[in-house]
């Protein structure tokens, strides 16, 4: 499950973290566009919010974590890679209690980590445009273990994650 964080700036630059309803490609800079020589700097507010989320779901917090490059081609991924936490996430081994048919079940979490969002494709009649305003927005990814065994459990899990208060 991916959840956008409400921070003032994007994950690795000082561009405003506001893209809904904005004119396309007006909240971009060399960092979020992946231009040569641009150096990303992690957003401390996003890291703090992710730690709070991980603690809320009973995760162990890694004292040492880092960011990795996840390479793949998406037309709305200007760098050709996404900055993520594949090998050393912020939180590990958490639990999410869900209620299904009056019974509490805990779903295990493999990890909770931070990454950056991609841009957005805008499909029109005969062309596709790209809006990079969303590129670089901080995302928390909550990775569950394969312990969801029914549609009811999946719905309870999803609804709990999306109705939990934001930090």
N, C-alpha and C. Protein backbone atom coordinates (compact mmCIF):
# COMPACT_ATOMS: atom_id res chain seq x y z
N UNK A 1 0.85 -1.17 0.00
CA UNK A 1 0.00 0.00 0.00
C UNK A 1 0.89 1.23 0.00
N UNK A 2 0.63 2.14 -0.91
CA UNK A 2 1.35 3.41 -0.97
C UNK A 2 0.49 4.52 -0.38
N UNK A 3 1.12 5.38 0.42
CA UNK A 3 0.43 6.52 1.01
C UNK A 3 1.30 7.76 0.82
N UNK A 4 0.75 8.79 0.16
CA UNK A 4 1.48 10.05 0.02
C UNK A 4 1.54 10.76 1.36
N UNK A 5 2.69 11.30 1.68
CA UNK A 5 2.84 12.07 2.91
C UNK A 5 2.54 13.54 2.65
N UNK A 6 1.93 14.19 3.63
CA UNK A 6 1.63 15.62 3.54
C UNK A 6 2.78 16.40 4.16
N UNK A 7 3.81 16.61 3.38
CA UNK A 7 4.95 17.41 3.82
C UNK A 7 4.94 18.71 3.03
N UNK A 8 5.71 19.68 3.48
CA UNK A 8 5.76 20.96 2.78
C UNK A 8 6.50 20.84 1.45
N UNK A 9 7.54 20.00 1.44
CA UNK A 9 8.34 19.85 0.22
C UNK A 9 8.39 18.39 -0.20
N UNK A 10 8.92 18.16 -1.38
CA UNK A 10 9.04 16.81 -1.91
C UNK A 10 10.09 16.02 -1.14
N UNK A 11 10.29 14.76 -1.51
CA UNK A 11 11.15 13.86 -0.76
C UNK A 11 12.63 14.23 -0.80
N UNK A 12 13.12 14.69 -1.94
CA UNK A 12 14.56 14.93 -2.06
C UNK A 12 14.92 16.32 -2.57
N UNK A 13 13.95 17.24 -2.60
CA UNK A 13 14.22 18.61 -3.04
C UNK A 13 13.29 19.56 -2.30
N UNK A 14 13.44 20.84 -2.57
CA UNK A 14 12.62 21.84 -1.87
C UNK A 14 11.39 22.27 -2.66
N UNK A 15 11.08 21.58 -3.75
CA UNK A 15 9.86 21.90 -4.50
C UNK A 15 8.64 21.68 -3.61
N UNK A 16 7.60 22.50 -3.76
CA UNK A 16 6.40 22.31 -2.95
C UNK A 16 5.75 20.97 -3.22
N UNK A 17 5.29 20.33 -2.15
CA UNK A 17 4.60 19.05 -2.26
C UNK A 17 3.11 19.30 -2.46
N UNK A 18 2.79 19.94 -3.56
CA UNK A 18 1.38 20.20 -3.90
C UNK A 18 1.25 20.03 -5.41
N UNK A 19 0.49 19.03 -5.79
CA UNK A 19 0.37 18.79 -7.23
C UNK A 19 -1.07 18.70 -7.69
N UNK A 20 -2.02 18.50 -6.77
CA UNK A 20 -3.42 18.37 -7.17
C UNK A 20 -3.95 19.71 -7.69
N UNK A 21 -4.45 19.70 -8.92
CA UNK A 21 -5.05 20.89 -9.50
C UNK A 21 -4.07 21.96 -9.95
N UNK A 22 -2.79 21.69 -9.87
CA UNK A 22 -1.78 22.68 -10.27
C UNK A 22 -1.52 22.58 -11.78
N UNK A 23 -1.07 23.67 -12.35
CA UNK A 23 -0.68 23.68 -13.76
C UNK A 23 0.45 22.67 -13.96
N UNK A 24 0.38 21.80 -14.97
CA UNK A 24 1.41 20.78 -15.16
C UNK A 24 2.81 21.36 -15.24
N UNK A 25 3.74 20.64 -14.64
CA UNK A 25 5.18 20.92 -14.71
C UNK A 25 5.57 22.30 -14.17
N UNK A 26 4.87 22.75 -13.14
CA UNK A 26 5.20 24.03 -12.51
C UNK A 26 5.86 23.84 -11.15
N UNK A 27 5.87 22.63 -10.61
CA UNK A 27 6.50 22.33 -9.32
C UNK A 27 7.63 21.32 -9.55
N UNK A 28 8.60 21.71 -10.36
CA UNK A 28 9.71 20.82 -10.70
C UNK A 28 11.04 21.57 -10.61
N UNK A 29 12.11 20.80 -10.44
CA UNK A 29 13.45 21.37 -10.36
C UNK A 29 14.44 20.33 -10.91
N UNK A 30 15.71 20.65 -11.00
CA UNK A 30 16.68 19.68 -11.51
C UNK A 30 16.73 18.37 -10.70
N UNK A 31 16.46 18.43 -9.40
CA UNK A 31 16.51 17.21 -8.58
C UNK A 31 15.36 16.27 -8.93
N UNK A 32 14.12 16.78 -8.90
CA UNK A 32 12.99 15.87 -9.17
C UNK A 32 12.88 15.50 -10.64
N UNK A 33 13.57 16.22 -11.52
CA UNK A 33 13.62 15.83 -12.93
C UNK A 33 14.82 14.92 -13.23
N UNK A 34 15.71 14.76 -12.24
CA UNK A 34 16.86 13.88 -12.42
C UNK A 34 17.89 14.42 -13.38
N UNK A 35 18.06 15.73 -13.42
CA UNK A 35 19.03 16.31 -14.35
C UNK A 35 20.46 16.05 -13.86
N UNK A 36 21.42 15.94 -14.77
CA UNK A 36 22.80 15.67 -14.37
C UNK A 36 23.33 16.70 -13.38
N UNK A 37 24.02 16.21 -12.36
CA UNK A 37 24.63 17.07 -11.35
C UNK A 37 23.72 17.44 -10.20
N UNK A 38 22.43 17.12 -10.28
CA UNK A 38 21.49 17.45 -9.21
C UNK A 38 21.68 16.46 -8.07
N UNK A 39 21.76 16.96 -6.85
CA UNK A 39 22.00 16.10 -5.69
C UNK A 39 20.77 16.06 -4.78
N UNK A 40 20.20 14.88 -4.56
CA UNK A 40 19.04 14.77 -3.68
C UNK A 40 19.43 14.89 -2.20
N UNK A 41 18.58 15.55 -1.43
CA UNK A 41 18.77 15.67 0.02
C UNK A 41 17.49 15.17 0.68
N UNK A 42 17.56 14.14 1.53
CA UNK A 42 16.34 13.56 2.13
C UNK A 42 15.56 14.57 2.97
N UNK A 43 14.26 14.47 2.90
CA UNK A 43 13.32 15.32 3.63
C UNK A 43 13.17 14.75 5.05
N UNK A 44 13.68 15.46 6.05
CA UNK A 44 13.65 14.99 7.44
C UNK A 44 12.23 14.85 7.96
N UNK A 45 11.34 15.75 7.55
CA UNK A 45 9.94 15.68 7.97
C UNK A 45 9.30 14.36 7.49
N UNK A 46 9.59 13.95 6.25
CA UNK A 46 9.06 12.69 5.72
C UNK A 46 9.62 11.50 6.48
N UNK A 47 10.90 11.55 6.82
CA UNK A 47 11.52 10.46 7.61
C UNK A 47 10.85 10.37 8.97
N UNK A 48 10.64 11.51 9.64
CA UNK A 48 9.99 11.52 10.95
C UNK A 48 8.57 10.98 10.88
N UNK A 49 7.81 11.37 9.87
CA UNK A 49 6.44 10.86 9.72
C UNK A 49 6.44 9.36 9.49
N UNK A 50 7.39 8.87 8.72
CA UNK A 50 7.47 7.43 8.46
C UNK A 50 7.82 6.66 9.73
N UNK A 51 8.69 7.20 10.55
CA UNK A 51 9.01 6.56 11.83
C UNK A 51 7.76 6.48 12.71
N UNK A 52 6.98 7.55 12.75
CA UNK A 52 5.74 7.55 13.55
C UNK A 52 4.78 6.48 13.03
N UNK A 53 4.63 6.38 11.72
CA UNK A 53 3.75 5.36 11.12
C UNK A 53 4.26 3.96 11.47
N UNK A 54 5.55 3.75 11.34
CA UNK A 54 6.13 2.44 11.66
C UNK A 54 5.91 2.08 13.13
N UNK A 55 6.08 3.03 14.02
CA UNK A 55 5.84 2.77 15.45
C UNK A 55 4.37 2.47 15.72
N UNK A 56 3.47 3.16 15.00
CA UNK A 56 2.03 2.92 15.17
C UNK A 56 1.65 1.49 14.81
N UNK A 57 2.41 0.88 13.91
CA UNK A 57 2.15 -0.49 13.50
C UNK A 57 3.14 -1.48 14.10
N UNK A 58 3.69 -1.10 15.26
CA UNK A 58 4.54 -1.99 16.06
C UNK A 58 5.77 -2.50 15.33
N UNK A 59 6.33 -1.70 14.46
CA UNK A 59 7.55 -2.09 13.75
C UNK A 59 8.78 -1.84 14.62
N UNK A 60 9.81 -2.61 14.35
CA UNK A 60 11.13 -2.30 14.89
C UNK A 60 11.70 -1.22 13.98
N UNK A 61 12.36 -0.22 14.56
CA UNK A 61 12.94 0.86 13.77
C UNK A 61 14.41 0.57 13.54
N UNK A 62 14.79 0.53 12.27
CA UNK A 62 16.20 0.36 11.94
C UNK A 62 16.95 1.62 12.32
N UNK A 63 17.99 1.48 13.09
CA UNK A 63 18.80 2.64 13.48
C UNK A 63 19.65 3.13 12.32
N UNK A 64 19.92 2.23 11.39
CA UNK A 64 20.68 2.56 10.18
C UNK A 64 19.83 2.18 8.98
N UNK A 65 19.43 3.16 8.22
CA UNK A 65 18.69 2.88 6.99
C UNK A 65 19.22 3.80 5.91
N UNK A 66 19.01 3.40 4.67
CA UNK A 66 19.50 4.19 3.55
C UNK A 66 18.57 4.04 2.37
N UNK A 67 18.87 4.80 1.34
CA UNK A 67 18.05 4.79 0.14
C UNK A 67 18.81 4.10 -0.99
N UNK A 68 18.07 3.41 -1.84
CA UNK A 68 18.63 2.68 -2.98
C UNK A 68 17.98 3.19 -4.26
N UNK A 69 18.61 2.87 -5.37
CA UNK A 69 18.02 3.14 -6.68
C UNK A 69 17.32 1.88 -7.17
N UNK A 70 16.04 2.03 -7.51
CA UNK A 70 15.29 0.93 -8.11
C UNK A 70 15.13 1.29 -9.58
N UNK A 71 15.88 0.61 -10.45
CA UNK A 71 15.93 0.96 -11.86
C UNK A 71 14.83 0.29 -12.65
N UNK A 72 14.08 1.07 -13.38
CA UNK A 72 13.11 0.55 -14.34
C UNK A 72 12.65 1.69 -15.23
N UNK A 73 12.07 1.36 -16.35
CA UNK A 73 11.62 2.39 -17.29
C UNK A 73 10.12 2.57 -17.18
N UNK A 74 9.74 3.73 -16.80
CA UNK A 74 8.36 4.21 -16.91
C UNK A 74 8.48 5.54 -17.64
N UNK A 75 7.59 5.85 -18.54
CA UNK A 75 7.69 7.13 -19.24
C UNK A 75 7.57 8.33 -18.30
N UNK A 76 6.92 8.14 -17.14
CA UNK A 76 6.76 9.25 -16.20
C UNK A 76 7.78 9.22 -15.06
N UNK A 77 8.88 8.49 -15.27
CA UNK A 77 9.97 8.42 -14.30
C UNK A 77 11.20 9.04 -14.96
N UNK A 78 11.42 10.33 -14.78
CA UNK A 78 12.42 11.03 -15.58
C UNK A 78 13.85 10.56 -15.36
N UNK A 79 14.18 10.04 -14.19
CA UNK A 79 15.56 9.62 -13.92
C UNK A 79 15.87 8.22 -14.45
N UNK A 80 14.83 7.43 -14.70
CA UNK A 80 15.06 6.03 -15.09
C UNK A 80 15.25 5.15 -13.86
N UNK A 81 15.11 5.72 -12.68
CA UNK A 81 15.16 4.96 -11.43
C UNK A 81 14.33 5.70 -10.39
N UNK A 82 13.92 4.96 -9.40
CA UNK A 82 13.17 5.52 -8.28
C UNK A 82 14.04 5.39 -7.04
N UNK A 83 14.11 6.44 -6.24
CA UNK A 83 14.85 6.35 -4.98
C UNK A 83 13.91 5.73 -3.96
N UNK A 84 14.33 4.60 -3.39
CA UNK A 84 13.50 3.81 -2.49
C UNK A 84 14.38 3.23 -1.38
N UNK A 85 13.81 2.39 -0.54
CA UNK A 85 14.55 1.75 0.55
C UNK A 85 14.40 0.24 0.45
N UNK A 86 14.89 -0.34 -0.57
CA UNK A 86 14.72 -1.78 -0.80
C UNK A 86 15.48 -2.64 0.22
N UNK A 87 16.71 -2.30 0.50
CA UNK A 87 17.56 -3.18 1.32
C UNK A 87 17.55 -2.84 2.81
N UNK A 88 17.27 -1.61 3.17
CA UNK A 88 17.29 -1.23 4.58
C UNK A 88 16.18 -0.22 4.85
N UNK A 89 14.95 -0.71 5.08
CA UNK A 89 13.82 0.18 5.31
C UNK A 89 13.83 0.78 6.72
N UNK A 90 13.00 1.77 6.92
CA UNK A 90 12.90 2.42 8.23
C UNK A 90 12.31 1.47 9.27
N UNK A 91 11.20 0.82 8.96
CA UNK A 91 10.55 -0.08 9.91
C UNK A 91 10.45 -1.49 9.39
N UNK A 92 10.61 -2.48 10.30
CA UNK A 92 10.49 -3.89 9.90
C UNK A 92 9.65 -4.65 10.92
N UNK A 93 9.07 -5.75 10.46
CA UNK A 93 8.36 -6.72 11.31
C UNK A 93 7.25 -6.10 12.16
N UNK A 94 6.34 -5.40 11.53
CA UNK A 94 5.22 -4.82 12.25
C UNK A 94 3.99 -5.70 12.19
N UNK A 95 2.88 -5.17 12.75
CA UNK A 95 1.61 -5.90 12.77
C UNK A 95 0.47 -4.91 12.60
N UNK A 96 -0.54 -5.33 11.86
CA UNK A 96 -1.74 -4.53 11.68
C UNK A 96 -2.93 -5.37 12.16
N UNK A 97 -3.59 -4.94 13.25
CA UNK A 97 -4.77 -5.69 13.70
C UNK A 97 -5.99 -5.29 12.86
N UNK A 98 -6.69 -6.28 12.34
CA UNK A 98 -7.90 -6.00 11.57
C UNK A 98 -9.06 -6.75 12.22
N UNK A 99 -10.26 -6.27 11.98
CA UNK A 99 -11.47 -6.88 12.52
C UNK A 99 -12.28 -7.44 11.36
N UNK A 100 -12.48 -8.76 11.35
CA UNK A 100 -13.25 -9.42 10.30
C UNK A 100 -14.25 -10.36 10.96
N UNK A 101 -15.53 -10.14 10.68
CA UNK A 101 -16.60 -10.96 11.25
C UNK A 101 -16.50 -11.06 12.78
N UNK A 102 -16.20 -9.94 13.42
CA UNK A 102 -16.13 -9.90 14.88
C UNK A 102 -14.87 -10.50 15.48
N UNK A 103 -13.95 -10.95 14.66
CA UNK A 103 -12.70 -11.55 15.13
C UNK A 103 -11.52 -10.64 14.78
N UNK A 104 -10.59 -10.50 15.72
CA UNK A 104 -9.38 -9.72 15.46
C UNK A 104 -8.32 -10.66 14.87
N UNK A 105 -7.73 -10.22 13.79
CA UNK A 105 -6.64 -10.96 13.17
C UNK A 105 -5.49 -9.99 12.94
N UNK A 106 -4.28 -10.42 13.18
CA UNK A 106 -3.13 -9.56 12.93
C UNK A 106 -2.48 -9.95 11.60
N UNK A 107 -2.26 -8.95 10.78
CA UNK A 107 -1.56 -9.13 9.51
C UNK A 107 -0.13 -8.66 9.74
N UNK A 108 0.82 -9.51 9.45
CA UNK A 108 2.24 -9.14 9.60
C UNK A 108 2.69 -8.19 8.52
N UNK A 109 3.61 -7.33 8.89
CA UNK A 109 4.21 -6.40 7.93
C UNK A 109 5.67 -6.76 7.75
N UNK A 110 6.09 -6.88 6.51
CA UNK A 110 7.50 -7.11 6.23
C UNK A 110 8.31 -5.86 6.51
N UNK A 111 7.83 -4.74 5.96
CA UNK A 111 8.52 -3.48 6.22
C UNK A 111 7.65 -2.28 5.89
N UNK A 112 8.09 -1.14 6.37
CA UNK A 112 7.53 0.15 6.04
C UNK A 112 8.70 1.01 5.59
N UNK A 113 8.63 1.49 4.35
CA UNK A 113 9.76 2.27 3.85
C UNK A 113 9.30 3.49 3.06
N UNK A 114 10.25 4.37 2.84
CA UNK A 114 10.02 5.60 2.10
C UNK A 114 10.52 5.47 0.67
N UNK A 115 9.83 6.13 -0.23
CA UNK A 115 10.30 6.24 -1.60
C UNK A 115 9.69 7.49 -2.21
N UNK A 116 10.06 7.77 -3.42
CA UNK A 116 9.51 8.93 -4.12
C UNK A 116 8.52 8.48 -5.18
N UNK A 117 7.53 9.31 -5.42
CA UNK A 117 6.52 9.01 -6.42
C UNK A 117 7.06 9.33 -7.82
N UNK A 118 6.38 8.81 -8.81
CA UNK A 118 6.71 9.11 -10.21
C UNK A 118 5.85 10.27 -10.68
N UNK A 119 5.98 10.64 -11.94
CA UNK A 119 5.13 11.67 -12.52
C UNK A 119 3.76 11.10 -12.84
N UNK A 120 3.04 11.80 -13.69
CA UNK A 120 1.66 11.39 -14.01
C UNK A 120 1.45 11.50 -15.51
N UNK A 121 0.94 10.44 -16.11
CA UNK A 121 0.61 10.47 -17.53
C UNK A 121 -0.78 11.05 -17.72
N UNK A 122 -0.91 11.92 -18.70
CA UNK A 122 -2.20 12.53 -19.02
C UNK A 122 -2.55 12.08 -20.43
N UNK A 123 -3.54 11.20 -20.53
CA UNK A 123 -3.94 10.65 -21.83
C UNK A 123 -5.01 11.53 -22.45
N UNK A 124 -4.73 12.00 -23.66
CA UNK A 124 -5.69 12.79 -24.41
C UNK A 124 -6.06 12.00 -25.65
N UNK A 125 -6.87 12.57 -26.51
CA UNK A 125 -7.38 11.83 -27.67
C UNK A 125 -6.29 11.12 -28.47
N UNK A 126 -5.30 11.87 -28.94
CA UNK A 126 -4.29 11.28 -29.82
C UNK A 126 -2.88 11.41 -29.29
N UNK A 127 -2.75 11.79 -28.03
CA UNK A 127 -1.41 11.95 -27.46
C UNK A 127 -1.43 11.71 -25.96
N UNK A 128 -0.27 11.47 -25.44
CA UNK A 128 -0.09 11.32 -24.00
C UNK A 128 0.94 12.34 -23.55
N UNK A 129 0.58 13.13 -22.56
CA UNK A 129 1.47 14.15 -22.01
C UNK A 129 1.95 13.68 -20.63
N UNK A 130 3.01 14.30 -20.15
CA UNK A 130 3.55 13.93 -18.84
C UNK A 130 3.59 15.16 -17.95
N UNK A 131 3.06 15.01 -16.74
CA UNK A 131 3.13 16.05 -15.72
C UNK A 131 4.08 15.55 -14.63
N UNK A 132 5.18 16.26 -14.43
CA UNK A 132 6.17 15.84 -13.44
C UNK A 132 5.97 16.50 -12.07
N UNK A 133 4.86 17.22 -11.85
CA UNK A 133 4.63 17.84 -10.55
C UNK A 133 4.63 16.82 -9.41
N UNK A 134 4.11 15.63 -9.66
CA UNK A 134 4.04 14.59 -8.62
C UNK A 134 5.37 13.87 -8.44
N UNK A 135 6.26 13.99 -9.40
CA UNK A 135 7.55 13.31 -9.35
C UNK A 135 8.35 13.79 -8.14
N UNK A 136 8.71 12.85 -7.28
CA UNK A 136 9.49 13.19 -6.09
C UNK A 136 8.67 13.37 -4.83
N UNK A 137 7.34 13.27 -4.91
CA UNK A 137 6.50 13.38 -3.72
C UNK A 137 6.81 12.20 -2.80
N UNK A 138 6.94 12.43 -1.48
CA UNK A 138 7.26 11.33 -0.58
C UNK A 138 6.11 10.33 -0.42
N UNK A 139 6.44 9.06 -0.60
CA UNK A 139 5.48 7.97 -0.45
C UNK A 139 5.96 7.03 0.64
N UNK A 140 5.05 6.60 1.49
CA UNK A 140 5.33 5.51 2.41
C UNK A 140 4.77 4.26 1.77
N UNK A 141 5.56 3.21 1.71
CA UNK A 141 5.07 1.93 1.21
C UNK A 141 5.00 0.98 2.40
N UNK A 142 3.81 0.43 2.62
CA UNK A 142 3.59 -0.54 3.70
C UNK A 142 3.46 -1.91 3.04
N UNK A 143 4.42 -2.77 3.33
CA UNK A 143 4.50 -4.07 2.67
C UNK A 143 4.02 -5.15 3.64
N UNK A 144 2.88 -5.75 3.32
CA UNK A 144 2.34 -6.80 4.19
C UNK A 144 2.96 -8.15 3.85
N UNK A 145 2.90 -9.04 4.82
CA UNK A 145 3.30 -10.43 4.57
C UNK A 145 2.11 -11.12 3.90
N UNK A 146 2.32 -12.26 3.26
CA UNK A 146 1.21 -12.93 2.54
C UNK A 146 0.27 -13.65 3.51
N UNK A 147 -0.44 -12.85 4.31
CA UNK A 147 -1.33 -13.41 5.34
C UNK A 147 -2.77 -12.96 5.18
N UNK A 148 -3.09 -12.35 4.07
CA UNK A 148 -4.46 -11.92 3.79
C UNK A 148 -5.08 -13.00 2.90
N UNK A 149 -6.15 -13.64 3.40
CA UNK A 149 -6.67 -14.83 2.73
C UNK A 149 -8.08 -14.69 2.19
N UNK A 150 -8.66 -13.49 2.27
CA UNK A 150 -10.01 -13.32 1.72
C UNK A 150 -10.20 -11.86 1.33
N UNK A 151 -11.24 -11.62 0.55
CA UNK A 151 -11.56 -10.25 0.16
C UNK A 151 -11.96 -9.43 1.38
N UNK A 152 -12.65 -10.04 2.34
CA UNK A 152 -13.03 -9.32 3.58
C UNK A 152 -11.80 -8.87 4.34
N UNK A 153 -10.80 -9.73 4.44
CA UNK A 153 -9.56 -9.37 5.14
C UNK A 153 -8.82 -8.26 4.39
N UNK A 154 -8.79 -8.35 3.08
CA UNK A 154 -8.12 -7.32 2.27
C UNK A 154 -8.82 -5.98 2.46
N UNK A 155 -10.14 -5.97 2.46
CA UNK A 155 -10.90 -4.73 2.64
C UNK A 155 -10.65 -4.15 4.04
N UNK A 156 -10.67 -4.99 5.06
CA UNK A 156 -10.43 -4.52 6.43
C UNK A 156 -9.03 -3.94 6.57
N UNK A 157 -8.05 -4.61 5.96
CA UNK A 157 -6.66 -4.14 6.00
C UNK A 157 -6.53 -2.79 5.30
N UNK A 158 -7.06 -2.71 4.10
CA UNK A 158 -6.97 -1.48 3.31
C UNK A 158 -7.70 -0.34 4.02
N UNK A 159 -8.90 -0.59 4.51
CA UNK A 159 -9.67 0.47 5.18
C UNK A 159 -8.98 0.95 6.44
N UNK A 160 -8.36 0.05 7.19
CA UNK A 160 -7.65 0.46 8.40
C UNK A 160 -6.47 1.36 8.04
N UNK A 161 -5.71 1.00 7.02
CA UNK A 161 -4.55 1.81 6.65
C UNK A 161 -4.96 3.19 6.15
N UNK A 162 -6.05 3.27 5.40
CA UNK A 162 -6.44 4.54 4.82
C UNK A 162 -7.33 5.38 5.72
N UNK A 163 -7.73 4.87 6.88
CA UNK A 163 -8.51 5.70 7.80
C UNK A 163 -7.72 6.01 9.06
N UNK A 164 -6.49 5.49 9.18
CA UNK A 164 -5.65 5.82 10.33
C UNK A 164 -5.26 7.28 10.23
N UNK A 165 -5.20 7.97 11.38
CA UNK A 165 -4.82 9.39 11.33
C UNK A 165 -3.40 9.58 10.83
N UNK A 166 -3.21 10.62 10.02
CA UNK A 166 -1.86 10.96 9.54
C UNK A 166 -1.07 11.62 10.65
N UNK A 167 0.27 11.43 10.65
CA UNK A 167 1.09 12.10 11.67
C UNK A 167 1.08 13.60 11.47
